[in-house]
């Protein structure tokens, strides 16, 4: 193996100084003659095993709420830090009585989720009914709670499969695709930044976000294999499950402009729109008003938990029109990211720009639910796989996760009702600071590509970009570098 290729296949302890420091008590970093390829523990198996342990710890953390039967009347879900929408919405959106999302509302509120997430919930409900019997029969409140517990467990299994898919796809995307025989690849063990994330354990079963994240990870993988149409199809499905995947089309446009390859972006855009429309069309035609409820809910929603706007409201400095201000600020941030991508000395990597855009959206959005951190996990693993920065960010997210439940349980309320809950304010600001820190180091990597931990100097540009033009020979590579 040549010197450059060995550099590109370094172990994490050789690539990251922080990881190397943690190995001191274990014998130090792996040496140059360490033989890892013959081991049964491949990067994929290691990452999947770690993900299984992490996810399992998260399920155990929800045990107090499962034992209490998902009773919203008590403060136990917040006091025990085990709250999840899954068990409660089963009872509060009509699933416990056999209602179908969007089509059978009855006396229950319309499901305020995108169509494909509603379909995910419907599949879980159907499995639950097969296990518990006909839900349309008259049942007691206690029986509904028991059934809600089964529904939670069914969703837990389905979300666990989504987590495994995310980790597996991140391994494959981080590895990249070799351009020619013997060419070096990326670092597949970067997927451990997803698999071992404390936020994965704490937030994976709060809601159904992992489903949309899995579809988005699939889109990233498709792009890394040079499949813009499949990228668009998976991104369209992800957008039908959660709005945020749609944001990735903007960063992709910048990447395609820098690479002079607009046709793949057009293919991705059209296939995204077609996939999204095909999934949404049946519900739109059968229940237009119910389909619109998701968009109306988000438009009419006031500033809520986790956002800087909510902190300002608690501090008696409420912003009048958060929606308009959000659009203006987010547009400004996106424009700044676009300028950064277009003016960078070398074409930025897709994961870097995608992370910046999604992080900017979460930074100024009018609500930040704790599980939104899941949106960023695979993007961070691909954009900035460095232990120090990852630990700073995860610590901020975990601190916010703990404080939001304590805030809801009124544990942090001062004795004097006129004194505000400033500790909760601190958690929101700290959470935003952690995200902003990552954004700044990623932006620095774009401006100073020699600091990018994925590029490895001038040896690799973007291992997860499978649509970039192939270059032949050293002369073509040198010419391309000089022009970029």
Protein backbone atom coordinates (compact mmCIF):
# COMPACT_ATOMS: atom_id res chain seq x y z
CA UNK A 1 0.00 0.00 0.00
CA UNK A 2 1.38 3.41 -0.92
CA UNK A 3 1.91 6.21 1.57
CA UNK A 4 -1.12 8.30 0.54
CA UNK A 5 -3.41 5.30 0.59
CA UNK A 6 -2.21 4.31 4.05
CA UNK A 7 -2.94 7.85 5.21
CA UNK A 8 -6.51 7.58 3.96
CA UNK A 9 -7.21 4.32 5.76
CA UNK A 10 -5.92 5.38 9.18
CA UNK A 11 -7.66 4.15 12.29
CA UNK A 12 -9.60 6.72 14.36
CA UNK A 13 -6.80 6.79 16.94
CA UNK A 14 -4.36 7.82 14.23
CA UNK A 15 -6.67 10.31 12.56
CA UNK A 16 -8.05 12.13 15.62
CA UNK A 17 -5.74 13.43 18.40
CA UNK A 18 -8.58 13.36 20.92
CA UNK A 19 -9.26 9.67 20.20
CA UNK A 20 -5.54 8.93 20.44
CA UNK A 21 -5.47 10.53 23.89
CA UNK A 22 -8.26 8.25 25.08
CA UNK A 23 -6.31 5.14 24.04
CA UNK A 24 -3.34 5.84 26.32
CA UNK A 25 -4.61 3.51 29.02
CA UNK A 26 -5.44 0.85 26.44
CA UNK A 27 -2.01 0.53 24.91
CA UNK A 28 -1.96 3.65 22.79
CA UNK A 29 -2.95 4.25 19.16
CA UNK A 30 -2.80 1.43 16.63
CA UNK A 31 0.61 1.06 15.03
CA UNK A 32 1.39 1.21 11.34
CA UNK A 33 1.63 -2.59 11.14
CA UNK A 34 -1.64 -3.30 12.98
CA UNK A 35 -3.75 -5.79 11.04
CA UNK A 36 -7.43 -4.95 11.29
CA UNK A 37 -8.80 -6.16 7.96
CA UNK A 38 -8.75 -9.83 9.00
CA UNK A 39 -10.87 -9.26 12.08
CA UNK A 40 -14.50 -10.36 12.14
CA UNK A 41 -15.30 -6.98 13.66
CA UNK A 42 -15.62 -4.92 10.52
CA UNK A 43 -16.50 -1.20 10.82
CA UNK A 44 -20.12 -2.00 9.91
CA UNK A 45 -20.47 -4.69 12.58
CA UNK A 46 -18.80 -2.52 15.19
CA UNK A 47 -21.09 0.41 14.43
CA UNK A 48 -24.24 -1.75 14.43
CA UNK A 49 -23.26 -3.37 17.74
CA UNK A 50 -22.61 0.00 19.36
CA UNK A 51 -25.92 1.31 18.00
CA UNK A 52 -27.75 -1.67 19.50
CA UNK A 53 -26.26 -0.99 22.93
CA UNK A 54 -26.98 2.73 22.73
CA UNK A 55 -30.56 2.24 21.59
CA UNK A 56 -31.16 -0.42 24.24
CA UNK A 57 -30.02 1.95 26.98
CA UNK A 58 -32.49 4.50 25.65
CA UNK A 59 -35.35 2.02 25.83
CA UNK A 60 -34.46 1.21 29.45
CA UNK A 61 -34.50 4.93 30.18
CA UNK A 62 -38.18 5.00 29.12
CA UNK A 63 -39.11 2.20 31.55
CA UNK A 64 -40.78 4.44 34.19
CA UNK A 65 -43.27 5.77 31.64
CA UNK A 66 -44.01 2.27 30.32
CA UNK A 67 -44.66 1.13 33.88
CA UNK A 68 -47.00 4.08 34.49
CA UNK A 69 -49.04 3.21 31.39
CA UNK A 70 -48.48 6.52 29.58
CA UNK A 71 -50.71 8.52 31.88
CA UNK A 72 -50.56 12.19 30.90
CA UNK A 73 -52.59 13.23 33.94
CA UNK A 74 -49.59 12.75 36.19
CA UNK A 75 -46.30 14.63 36.04
CA UNK A 76 -44.35 11.36 36.03
CA UNK A 77 -43.29 11.47 32.34
CA UNK A 78 -41.51 14.77 32.98
CA UNK A 79 -40.25 14.01 36.48
CA UNK A 80 -38.73 10.71 35.33
CA UNK A 81 -37.39 12.31 32.11
CA UNK A 82 -39.04 9.54 30.08
CA UNK A 83 -41.68 11.42 28.06
CA UNK A 84 -42.56 10.15 24.58
CA UNK A 85 -45.27 11.29 22.16
CA UNK A 86 -45.78 7.74 20.95
CA UNK A 87 -47.72 6.27 23.85
CA UNK A 88 -49.82 9.38 24.37
CA UNK A 89 -50.79 10.09 20.76
CA UNK A 90 -51.98 6.51 20.35
CA UNK A 91 -54.73 7.39 22.81
CA UNK A 92 -55.22 11.04 21.85
CA UNK A 93 -55.48 10.73 18.04
CA UNK A 94 -57.96 7.85 17.90
CA UNK A 95 -55.60 4.93 17.21
CA UNK A 96 -56.78 3.24 20.42
CA UNK A 97 -60.27 3.05 18.87
CA UNK A 98 -59.19 1.88 15.42
CA UNK A 99 -59.22 5.24 13.63
CA UNK A 100 -57.02 5.73 10.59
CA UNK A 101 -54.88 8.87 10.37
CA UNK A 102 -56.37 11.71 8.27
CA UNK A 103 -59.35 9.59 7.12
CA UNK A 104 -61.05 8.74 10.43
CA UNK A 105 -60.86 11.58 12.89
CA UNK A 106 -64.20 11.34 14.72
CA UNK A 107 -64.03 13.20 18.01
CA UNK A 108 -60.24 13.37 17.97
CA UNK A 109 -57.95 16.14 16.68
CA UNK A 110 -56.54 15.66 13.20
CA UNK A 111 -53.08 14.12 13.15
CA UNK A 112 -50.62 17.02 12.86
CA UNK A 113 -47.92 15.07 11.01
CA UNK A 114 -46.90 14.66 7.36
CA UNK A 115 -48.52 11.88 5.37
CA UNK A 116 -45.70 9.33 5.41
CA UNK A 117 -45.19 9.63 9.16
CA UNK A 118 -48.92 9.02 9.52
CA UNK A 119 -48.45 5.91 7.38
CA UNK A 120 -45.62 4.74 9.65
CA UNK A 121 -47.92 5.16 12.65
CA UNK A 122 -50.71 3.31 10.86
CA UNK A 123 -48.45 0.32 10.18
CA UNK A 124 -47.45 0.24 13.84
CA UNK A 125 -51.11 0.48 14.85
CA UNK A 126 -52.10 -2.40 12.57
CA UNK A 127 -49.41 -4.60 14.11
CA UNK A 128 -50.59 -3.55 17.56
CA UNK A 129 -54.19 -4.48 16.77
CA UNK A 130 -53.10 -7.89 15.50
CA UNK A 131 -51.49 -8.46 18.88
CA UNK A 132 -54.17 -6.96 21.13
CA UNK A 133 -57.44 -7.56 19.28
CA UNK A 134 -60.12 -5.42 17.66
CA UNK A 135 -59.74 -1.83 18.92
CA UNK A 136 -63.30 -0.90 17.94
CA UNK A 137 -64.76 -2.91 20.79
CA UNK A 138 -65.67 -1.05 23.95
CA UNK A 139 -62.62 -0.98 26.18
CA UNK A 140 -61.79 0.72 29.45
CA UNK A 141 -59.30 3.52 29.89
CA UNK A 142 -56.91 1.07 31.56
CA UNK A 143 -57.11 -1.29 28.59
CA UNK A 144 -56.35 1.58 26.21
CA UNK A 145 -53.27 2.40 28.25
CA UNK A 146 -52.14 -1.22 28.10
CA UNK A 147 -52.63 -1.18 24.34
CA UNK A 148 -50.68 2.08 24.16
CA UNK A 149 -47.80 0.26 25.82
CA UNK A 150 -47.86 -2.40 23.10
CA UNK A 151 -47.99 0.35 20.47
CA UNK A 152 -44.94 1.95 22.03
CA UNK A 153 -43.01 -1.33 21.94
CA UNK A 154 -43.97 -1.96 18.31
CA UNK A 155 -42.78 1.51 17.36
CA UNK A 156 -39.62 0.97 19.37
CA UNK A 157 -38.74 -2.07 17.28
CA UNK A 158 -39.51 -0.22 14.03
CA UNK A 159 -37.48 2.82 15.09
CA UNK A 160 -34.61 0.55 16.14
CA UNK A 161 -34.55 -0.84 12.61
CA UNK A 162 -34.45 2.75 11.33
CA UNK A 163 -31.49 3.46 13.62
CA UNK A 164 -29.61 0.44 12.29
CA UNK A 165 -30.33 1.56 8.72
CA UNK A 166 -29.03 5.06 9.49
CA UNK A 167 -25.82 3.72 10.99
CA UNK A 168 -25.27 1.23 8.16
CA UNK A 169 -25.84 3.87 5.50
CA UNK A 170 -23.53 6.31 7.29
CA UNK A 171 -20.81 3.64 7.30
CA UNK A 172 -21.21 3.17 3.55
CA UNK A 173 -21.44 6.91 2.80
CA UNK A 174 -18.41 7.76 4.94
CA UNK A 175 -16.39 5.02 3.22
CA UNK A 176 -17.20 6.57 -0.14
CA UNK A 177 -16.61 4.85 -3.44
CA UNK A 178 -13.20 4.05 -4.92
CA UNK A 179 -12.64 5.76 -8.27
CA UNK A 180 -10.17 3.16 -9.53
CA UNK A 181 -8.68 -0.14 -8.32
CA UNK A 182 -6.52 0.39 -5.26
CA UNK A 183 -7.80 3.91 -4.60
CA UNK A 184 -8.17 4.89 -0.99
CA UNK A 185 -11.50 5.53 0.69
CA UNK A 186 -12.87 7.48 3.64
CA UNK A 187 -13.27 6.48 7.27
CA UNK A 188 -16.29 4.17 7.81
CA UNK A 189 -15.83 4.21 11.59
CA UNK A 190 -16.98 7.84 11.53
CA UNK A 191 -20.45 6.27 11.80
CA UNK A 192 -19.70 5.71 15.48
CA UNK A 193 -20.49 9.39 15.96
CA UNK A 194 -24.06 8.34 15.20
CA UNK A 195 -24.10 4.92 16.85
CA UNK A 196 -22.57 6.01 20.16
CA UNK A 197 -24.33 9.37 20.49
CA UNK A 198 -25.96 9.88 23.92
CA UNK A 199 -28.63 11.90 22.12
CA UNK A 200 -29.57 8.79 20.15
CA UNK A 201 -30.31 6.94 23.38
CA UNK A 202 -32.19 9.81 24.97
CA UNK A 203 -34.35 11.01 22.07
CA UNK A 204 -34.81 8.17 19.57
CA UNK A 205 -38.21 7.06 20.94
CA UNK A 206 -39.64 10.49 21.78
CA UNK A 207 -41.20 10.77 18.33
CA UNK A 208 -40.96 9.30 14.84
CA UNK A 209 -38.08 11.44 13.54
CA UNK A 210 -35.74 8.46 13.03
CA UNK A 211 -37.93 7.37 10.10
CA UNK A 212 -37.29 10.61 8.21
CA UNK A 213 -33.61 10.54 9.19
CA UNK A 214 -33.29 7.01 7.76
CA UNK A 215 -34.77 8.13 4.43
CA UNK A 216 -32.45 11.14 4.37
CA UNK A 217 -29.44 8.93 5.13
CA UNK A 218 -30.55 6.75 2.22
CA UNK A 219 -30.61 9.80 -0.03
CA UNK A 220 -27.08 10.76 1.04
CA UNK A 221 -25.91 7.23 0.30
CA UNK A 222 -27.57 7.27 -3.13
CA UNK A 223 -25.78 10.50 -4.00
CA UNK A 224 -22.45 8.99 -2.89
CA UNK A 225 -23.03 6.16 -5.36
CA UNK A 226 -23.79 8.48 -8.27
CA UNK A 227 -27.59 7.94 -8.27
CA UNK A 228 -29.21 11.41 -8.41
CA UNK A 229 -32.65 10.00 -9.28
CA UNK A 230 -32.64 7.65 -6.30
CA UNK A 231 -31.34 10.52 -4.20
CA UNK A 232 -34.39 12.53 -5.21
CA UNK A 233 -36.83 9.67 -4.65
CA UNK A 234 -35.56 9.04 -1.11
CA UNK A 235 -35.40 12.76 -0.37
CA UNK A 236 -38.99 13.17 -1.57
CA UNK A 237 -40.09 10.32 0.70
CA UNK A 238 -38.15 11.88 3.57
CA UNK A 239 -39.88 15.20 2.95
CA UNK A 240 -43.22 13.38 3.02
CA UNK A 241 -42.26 12.15 6.51
CA UNK A 242 -40.70 15.37 7.83
CA UNK A 243 -40.16 18.73 6.19
CA UNK A 244 -36.43 19.16 6.84
CA UNK A 245 -35.00 16.77 4.15
CA UNK A 246 -36.25 19.19 1.51
CA UNK A 247 -33.62 21.67 2.72
CA UNK A 248 -30.83 19.49 1.31
CA UNK A 249 -31.66 20.52 -2.26
CA UNK A 250 -30.14 23.95 -1.64
CA UNK A 251 -26.70 22.69 -0.55
CA UNK A 252 -26.77 20.19 -3.39
CA UNK A 253 -27.27 23.02 -5.88
CA UNK A 254 -24.13 24.77 -4.61
CA UNK A 255 -22.15 21.54 -4.89
CA UNK A 256 -23.39 21.00 -8.43
CA UNK A 257 -22.61 24.58 -9.46
CA UNK A 258 -19.05 24.25 -8.16
CA UNK A 259 -18.70 20.90 -9.92
CA UNK A 260 -20.28 22.15 -13.16
CA UNK A 261 -22.86 19.37 -13.16
CA UNK A 262 -26.31 20.91 -13.03
CA UNK A 263 -28.06 18.03 -14.80
CA UNK A 264 -27.76 15.66 -11.80
CA UNK A 265 -29.28 18.38 -9.62
CA UNK A 266 -32.21 18.78 -12.02
CA UNK A 267 -32.74 15.02 -11.91
CA UNK A 268 -32.67 15.11 -8.10
CA UNK A 269 -35.11 18.03 -7.96
CA UNK A 270 -37.64 16.48 -10.34
CA UNK A 271 -37.53 13.05 -8.71
CA UNK A 272 -37.92 14.66 -5.26
CA UNK A 273 -41.02 16.54 -6.38
CA UNK A 274 -42.53 13.47 -8.10
CA UNK A 275 -41.93 11.15 -5.13
CA UNK A 276 -43.36 13.69 -2.66
CA UNK A 277 -46.41 14.36 -4.83
CA UNK A 278 -47.20 10.67 -5.40
CA UNK A 279 -47.17 9.96 -1.67
CA UNK A 280 -49.27 13.00 -0.76
CA UNK A 281 -51.76 12.89 -3.63
CA UNK A 282 -54.09 10.15 -2.27
CA UNK A 283 -54.57 11.84 1.11
CA UNK A 284 -54.91 15.26 -0.53
CA UNK A 285 -57.65 13.96 -2.82
CA UNK A 286 -59.49 12.00 -0.12
CA UNK A 287 -59.13 14.41 2.81
CA UNK A 288 -57.86 17.79 1.68
CA UNK A 289 -58.65 19.65 4.90
CA UNK A 290 -56.99 16.98 7.03
CA UNK A 291 -53.95 17.02 4.74
CA UNK A 292 -53.68 20.78 5.17
CA UNK A 293 -53.75 20.47 8.97
CA UNK A 294 -49.99 19.83 9.18
CA UNK A 295 -49.18 23.02 7.28
CA UNK A 296 -51.77 25.06 9.15
CA UNK A 297 -50.55 23.76 12.50
CA UNK A 298 -46.97 24.80 11.79
CA UNK A 299 -48.01 28.16 10.36
CA UNK A 300 -50.23 29.05 13.32
CA UNK A 301 -47.97 27.61 15.99
CA UNK A 302 -46.53 30.22 18.33
CA UNK A 303 -42.96 30.27 19.56
CA UNK A 304 -42.55 27.13 21.62
CA UNK A 305 -40.18 25.10 23.77
CA UNK A 306 -36.48 25.13 22.98
CA UNK A 307 -36.38 28.21 20.74
CA UNK A 308 -34.80 31.57 21.39
CA UNK A 309 -38.20 33.07 20.60
CA UNK A 310 -39.75 31.12 23.48
CA UNK A 311 -37.06 32.42 25.82
CA UNK A 312 -37.77 35.97 24.68
CA UNK A 313 -41.49 35.40 25.32
CA UNK A 314 -40.78 34.14 28.84
CA UNK A 315 -38.57 37.19 29.38
CA UNK A 316 -41.48 39.47 28.41
CA UNK A 317 -39.87 40.45 25.11
CA UNK A 318 -42.13 38.50 22.77
CA UNK A 319 -41.60 38.96 19.03
CA UNK A 320 -44.83 39.84 17.25
CA UNK A 321 -44.46 37.98 13.95
CA UNK A 322 -42.06 35.08 14.44
CA UNK A 323 -42.94 33.45 11.11
CA UNK A 324 -41.90 36.41 8.98
CA UNK A 325 -38.77 37.06 11.02
CA UNK A 326 -37.82 33.38 10.81
CA UNK A 327 -38.10 33.44 7.02
CA UNK A 328 -35.97 36.57 6.74
CA UNK A 329 -33.23 35.33 9.08
CA UNK A 330 -33.15 31.84 7.59
CA UNK A 331 -32.99 33.26 4.07
CA UNK A 332 -30.06 35.43 5.16
CA UNK A 333 -28.27 32.46 6.68
CA UNK A 334 -28.84 30.37 3.57
CA UNK A 335 -27.50 33.17 1.39
CA UNK A 336 -24.41 33.39 3.58
CA UNK A 337 -23.87 29.62 3.33
CA UNK A 338 -24.30 29.78 -0.44
CA UNK A 339 -21.70 32.56 -0.72
CA UNK A 340 -19.36 30.55 1.51
CA UNK A 341 -19.79 27.50 -0.72
CA UNK A 342 -19.31 29.42 -3.94
CA UNK A 343 -16.30 31.44 -2.78
CA UNK A 344 -14.46 28.66 -0.91
CA UNK A 345 -10.94 27.90 -2.23
CA UNK A 346 -12.00 24.31 -3.01
CA UNK A 347 -15.47 22.91 -3.68
CA UNK A 348 -17.09 22.23 -0.29
CA UNK A 349 -18.28 18.76 0.55
CA UNK A 350 -22.02 18.11 0.29
CA UNK A 351 -22.27 16.96 3.93
CA UNK A 352 -20.69 20.20 5.12
CA UNK A 353 -23.20 22.44 3.37
CA UNK A 354 -26.11 20.15 4.25
CA UNK A 355 -25.17 20.29 7.92
CA UNK A 356 -24.86 24.09 7.87
CA UNK A 357 -28.29 24.58 6.31
CA UNK A 358 -30.14 22.14 8.58
CA UNK A 359 -28.31 23.48 11.65
CA UNK A 360 -29.21 27.05 10.66
CA UNK A 361 -32.85 26.03 10.36
CA UNK A 362 -32.81 24.48 13.85
CA UNK A 363 -30.92 27.42 15.29
CA UNK A 364 -33.64 29.96 14.57
CA UNK A 365 -36.78 27.80 14.25
CA UNK A 366 -39.70 28.77 16.49
CA UNK A 367 -39.68 25.37 18.20
CA UNK A 368 -36.93 22.91 19.06
CA UNK A 369 -38.14 19.53 20.26
CA UNK A 370 -35.38 17.45 21.92
CA UNK A 371 -35.51 14.76 19.20
CA UNK A 372 -34.61 17.26 16.48
CA UNK A 373 -30.97 16.57 17.33
CA UNK A 374 -31.42 13.29 15.44
CA UNK A 375 -31.63 15.23 12.18
CA UNK A 376 -28.03 16.33 12.61
CA UNK A 377 -26.41 13.10 13.81
CA UNK A 378 -25.48 11.57 10.40
CA UNK A 379 -24.68 15.01 8.97
CA UNK A 380 -22.23 15.74 11.78
CA UNK A 381 -20.60 12.32 11.34
CA UNK A 382 -19.99 13.12 7.67
CA UNK A 383 -19.25 16.84 8.00
CA UNK A 384 -17.06 17.09 11.12
CA UNK A 385 -16.00 13.66 12.48
CA UNK A 386 -13.87 14.92 15.37
CA UNK A 387 -14.33 13.73 18.95
CA UNK A 388 -13.72 17.05 20.68
CA UNK A 389 -16.32 18.98 18.71
CA UNK A 390 -18.79 16.08 18.88
CA UNK A 391 -18.47 15.88 22.68
CA UNK A 392 -19.03 19.62 23.10
CA UNK A 393 -22.15 19.47 20.96
CA UNK A 394 -23.54 16.32 22.59
CA UNK A 395 -22.99 17.73 26.08
CA UNK A 396 -24.99 20.85 25.19
CA UNK A 397 -27.81 18.78 23.66
CA UNK A 398 -28.01 16.40 26.63
CA UNK A 399 -28.06 19.30 29.08
CA UNK A 400 -30.98 20.84 27.19
CA UNK A 401 -32.77 17.47 27.01
CA UNK A 402 -32.64 17.17 30.80
CA UNK A 403 -33.60 20.76 31.52
CA UNK A 404 -36.63 20.87 29.21
CA UNK A 405 -38.33 18.03 31.10
CA UNK A 406 -37.45 19.60 34.43
CA UNK A 407 -38.90 22.86 33.15
CA UNK A 408 -42.13 21.11 32.16
CA UNK A 409 -42.28 19.36 35.54
CA UNK A 410 -41.79 22.79 37.18
CA UNK A 411 -38.76 21.53 39.08
CA UNK A 412 -36.84 24.66 38.16
CA UNK A 413 -39.57 27.15 39.05
CA UNK A 414 -38.32 29.58 41.72
CA UNK A 415 -40.27 29.92 44.95
CA UNK A 416 -41.27 33.44 43.97
CA UNK A 417 -43.76 33.22 41.06
CA UNK A 418 -42.55 36.62 39.80
CA UNK A 419 -39.01 35.30 39.28
CA UNK A 420 -38.51 33.64 35.86
CA UNK A 421 -36.98 30.21 35.28
CA UNK A 422 -33.59 31.44 34.10
CA UNK A 423 -31.91 28.03 34.37
CA UNK A 424 -34.11 26.79 31.54
CA UNK A 425 -33.20 29.87 29.53
CA UNK A 426 -29.54 28.95 30.02
CA UNK A 427 -30.14 25.45 28.67
CA UNK A 428 -31.68 26.84 25.47
CA UNK A 429 -28.81 29.28 24.94
CA UNK A 430 -26.25 26.56 25.69
CA UNK A 431 -27.92 24.21 23.21
CA UNK A 432 -27.76 26.91 20.55
CA UNK A 433 -24.12 27.62 21.42
CA UNK A 434 -23.21 23.96 20.89
CA UNK A 435 -24.80 23.97 17.43
CA UNK A 436 -23.20 27.31 16.58
CA UNK A 437 -19.79 25.94 17.61
CA UNK A 438 -20.12 23.09 15.14
CA UNK A 439 -21.27 25.47 12.42
CA UNK A 440 -18.23 27.66 12.95
CA UNK A 441 -15.70 24.80 12.78
CA UNK A 442 -17.40 23.38 9.66
CA UNK A 443 -17.35 26.83 8.04
CA UNK A 444 -13.64 27.08 8.94
CA UNK A 445 -13.01 23.70 7.30
CA UNK A 446 -14.63 25.00 4.12
CA UNK A 447 -12.51 28.15 4.12
CA UNK A 448 -9.34 26.28 5.15
CA UNK A 449 -9.70 22.85 3.54
CA UNK A 450 -6.36 21.71 4.96
CA UNK A 451 -8.13 21.56 8.36
CA UNK A 452 -10.92 19.34 7.05
CA UNK A 453 -10.60 15.94 8.79
CA UNK A 454 -12.21 14.16 5.83
CA UNK A 455 -10.13 15.57 2.99
CA UNK A 456 -6.76 14.39 4.39
CA UNK A 457 -4.87 17.25 2.84
CA UNK A 458 -4.99 17.08 -0.97
CA UNK A 459 -5.60 13.34 -1.20
CA UNK A 460 -9.40 13.17 -1.15
CA UNK A 461 -11.93 15.84 -2.02
CA UNK A 462 -15.30 14.33 -1.10
CA UNK A 463 -15.56 10.55 -0.65
CA UNK A 464 -19.35 10.80 -0.40
CA UNK A 465 -19.82 12.56 -3.75
CA UNK A 466 -20.43 9.87 -6.33
CA UNK A 467 -21.50 12.23 -9.11
CA UNK A 468 -18.39 14.35 -9.38
CA UNK A 469 -16.50 14.11 -12.67
CA UNK A 470 -13.94 11.30 -12.84
CA UNK A 471 -10.38 12.50 -13.22
CA UNK A 472 -7.70 10.49 -14.97
CA UNK A 473 -4.04 10.62 -14.22
CA UNK A 474 -1.92 12.92 -12.08
CA UNK A 475 -1.95 15.70 -14.65
CA UNK A 476 -5.74 15.92 -14.73
CA UNK A 477 -5.89 15.89 -10.94
CA UNK A 478 -3.29 18.65 -10.65
CA UNK A 479 -5.10 20.69 -13.31
CA UNK A 480 -8.44 20.31 -11.52
CA UNK A 481 -6.90 21.38 -8.20
CA UNK A 482 -5.34 24.46 -9.75
CA UNK A 483 -8.60 25.60 -11.32
CA UNK A 484 -10.62 25.06 -8.13
